[in-house]
């Protein structure tokens, strides 16, 4: 048995004898043929993360993914309109400029409505 650090992850090695004597061989991610296990740094952090921080990260991710979904559904980002990396990059930049402008307009509208109801009329 041993452990090696390789390409930003740990690789655990097990002897075949130890693997064969283990009672959880059916559940083992290593399998019977390969007594090695690759565990990335991100997976180790994922295991150690506080549940509250994990919930915050998932909420943030959900908001970001929603913007990508909007770009795909409403702004024709399922396929690139142009050919070439530079032209596609311009298309993506322009699309997200539009999405951010729509977001800013919505936030300004909410702010104006809040100010209208907050000030006494008279």
Protein backbone atom coordinates (compact mmCIF):
# COMPACT_ATOMS: atom_id res chain seq x y z
CA UNK A 1 0.00 0.00 0.00
CA UNK A 2 1.17 3.49 -0.76
CA UNK A 3 0.26 7.00 -1.74
CA UNK A 4 1.76 9.27 -4.41
CA UNK A 5 1.02 12.85 -5.38
CA UNK A 6 0.52 13.11 -9.15
CA UNK A 7 -0.99 15.93 -11.25
CA UNK A 8 -2.77 17.77 -8.44
CA UNK A 9 -4.20 14.57 -6.95
CA UNK A 10 -3.31 11.62 -4.76
CA UNK A 11 -2.97 8.14 -6.20
CA UNK A 12 -3.42 5.35 -3.67
CA UNK A 13 -1.97 1.92 -4.44
CA UNK A 14 -3.20 -1.28 -2.86
CA UNK A 15 -1.79 -4.76 -3.05
CA UNK A 16 -3.99 -7.32 -4.77
CA UNK A 17 -3.83 -9.49 -1.65
CA UNK A 18 -5.32 -6.72 0.51
CA UNK A 19 -8.02 -6.03 -2.08
CA UNK A 20 -8.99 -9.68 -2.33
CA UNK A 21 -9.33 -10.04 1.44
CA UNK A 22 -11.52 -6.93 1.77
CA UNK A 23 -15.22 -7.53 2.40
CA UNK A 24 -16.28 -4.47 0.34
CA UNK A 25 -14.82 -5.49 -3.00
CA UNK A 26 -18.19 -5.18 -4.73
CA UNK A 27 -18.55 -1.55 -3.60
CA UNK A 28 -14.93 -0.61 -4.26
CA UNK A 29 -14.32 2.12 -6.85
CA UNK A 30 -10.96 0.54 -7.66
CA UNK A 31 -12.44 -2.59 -9.14
CA UNK A 32 -10.82 -6.00 -9.05
CA UNK A 33 -8.35 -5.46 -11.86
CA UNK A 34 -6.87 -2.12 -10.79
CA UNK A 35 -5.91 -1.80 -7.13
CA UNK A 36 -5.28 1.97 -7.48
CA UNK A 37 -7.49 4.88 -6.52
CA UNK A 38 -7.18 8.43 -7.89
CA UNK A 39 -8.44 11.19 -5.55
CA UNK A 40 -8.21 14.80 -6.75
CA UNK A 41 -7.61 17.83 -4.54
CA UNK A 42 -11.01 19.22 -5.46
CA UNK A 43 -12.68 16.01 -4.25
CA UNK A 44 -10.80 16.20 -0.95
CA UNK A 45 -11.97 19.79 -0.51
CA UNK A 46 -15.51 18.76 -1.43
CA UNK A 47 -15.46 16.18 1.37
CA UNK A 48 -14.10 18.67 3.94
CA UNK A 49 -16.38 21.59 3.04
CA UNK A 50 -18.78 22.97 5.61
CA UNK A 51 -22.42 22.22 4.65
CA UNK A 52 -23.39 25.91 4.88
CA UNK A 53 -20.56 26.93 2.56
CA UNK A 54 -21.59 24.17 0.19
CA UNK A 55 -25.17 25.51 0.11
CA UNK A 56 -23.90 29.03 -0.60
CA UNK A 57 -21.73 27.77 -3.43
CA UNK A 58 -24.62 25.83 -4.93
CA UNK A 59 -26.90 28.88 -4.77
CA UNK A 60 -24.25 30.96 -6.51
CA UNK A 61 -23.74 28.28 -9.12
CA UNK A 62 -27.49 28.06 -9.73
CA UNK A 63 -27.66 31.79 -10.48
CA UNK A 64 -24.72 31.59 -12.87
CA UNK A 65 -26.12 28.53 -14.63
CA UNK A 66 -29.43 30.34 -15.01
CA UNK A 67 -27.68 33.07 -16.99
CA UNK A 68 -26.08 30.49 -19.28
CA UNK A 69 -29.49 28.87 -19.71
CA UNK A 70 -30.98 32.22 -20.65
CA UNK A 71 -28.22 32.75 -23.20
CA UNK A 72 -28.90 29.35 -24.68
CA UNK A 73 -32.70 29.58 -24.76
CA UNK A 74 -33.33 33.21 -25.62
CA UNK A 75 -30.16 34.39 -27.37
CA UNK A 76 -29.34 31.54 -29.77
CA UNK A 77 -26.24 30.30 -27.95
CA UNK A 78 -26.91 26.63 -28.68
CA UNK A 79 -24.81 27.01 -31.83
CA UNK A 80 -22.34 29.65 -32.84
CA UNK A 81 -23.60 31.86 -35.62
CA UNK A 82 -20.12 32.59 -36.99
CA UNK A 83 -17.06 30.52 -37.73
CA UNK A 84 -13.70 31.11 -36.15
CA UNK A 85 -12.74 31.46 -32.53
CA UNK A 86 -12.47 35.26 -32.63
CA UNK A 87 -15.92 35.73 -34.19
CA UNK A 88 -17.52 33.27 -31.77
CA UNK A 89 -15.86 35.10 -28.87
CA UNK A 90 -17.34 38.38 -30.11
CA UNK A 91 -20.78 36.73 -30.34
CA UNK A 92 -20.48 35.46 -26.76
CA UNK A 93 -19.30 38.85 -25.45
CA UNK A 94 -22.12 40.69 -27.19
CA UNK A 95 -24.69 38.20 -25.92
CA UNK A 96 -23.58 38.56 -22.32
CA UNK A 97 -23.45 42.34 -22.65
CA UNK A 98 -27.12 42.21 -23.63
CA UNK A 99 -27.94 39.86 -20.75
CA UNK A 100 -26.16 42.14 -18.26
CA UNK A 101 -27.92 45.24 -19.66
CA UNK A 102 -31.28 43.50 -19.25
CA UNK A 103 -30.33 42.63 -15.69
CA UNK A 104 -29.28 46.22 -14.94
CA UNK A 105 -32.54 47.58 -16.36
CA UNK A 106 -34.52 45.18 -14.20
CA UNK A 107 -32.56 46.18 -11.07
CA UNK A 108 -33.07 49.89 -11.83
CA UNK A 109 -36.79 49.32 -12.29
CA UNK A 110 -36.99 47.52 -8.94
CA UNK A 111 -35.07 50.35 -7.30
CA UNK A 112 -37.36 53.01 -8.80
CA UNK A 113 -40.45 51.13 -7.64
CA UNK A 114 -39.01 50.81 -4.14
CA UNK A 115 -38.23 54.53 -4.04
CA UNK A 116 -41.70 55.42 -5.31
CA UNK A 117 -43.36 53.46 -2.50
CA UNK A 118 -40.89 54.64 0.15
CA UNK A 119 -41.42 58.38 -0.40
CA UNK A 120 -44.61 59.93 0.92
CA UNK A 121 -46.75 61.45 -1.78
CA UNK A 122 -47.67 65.00 -1.30
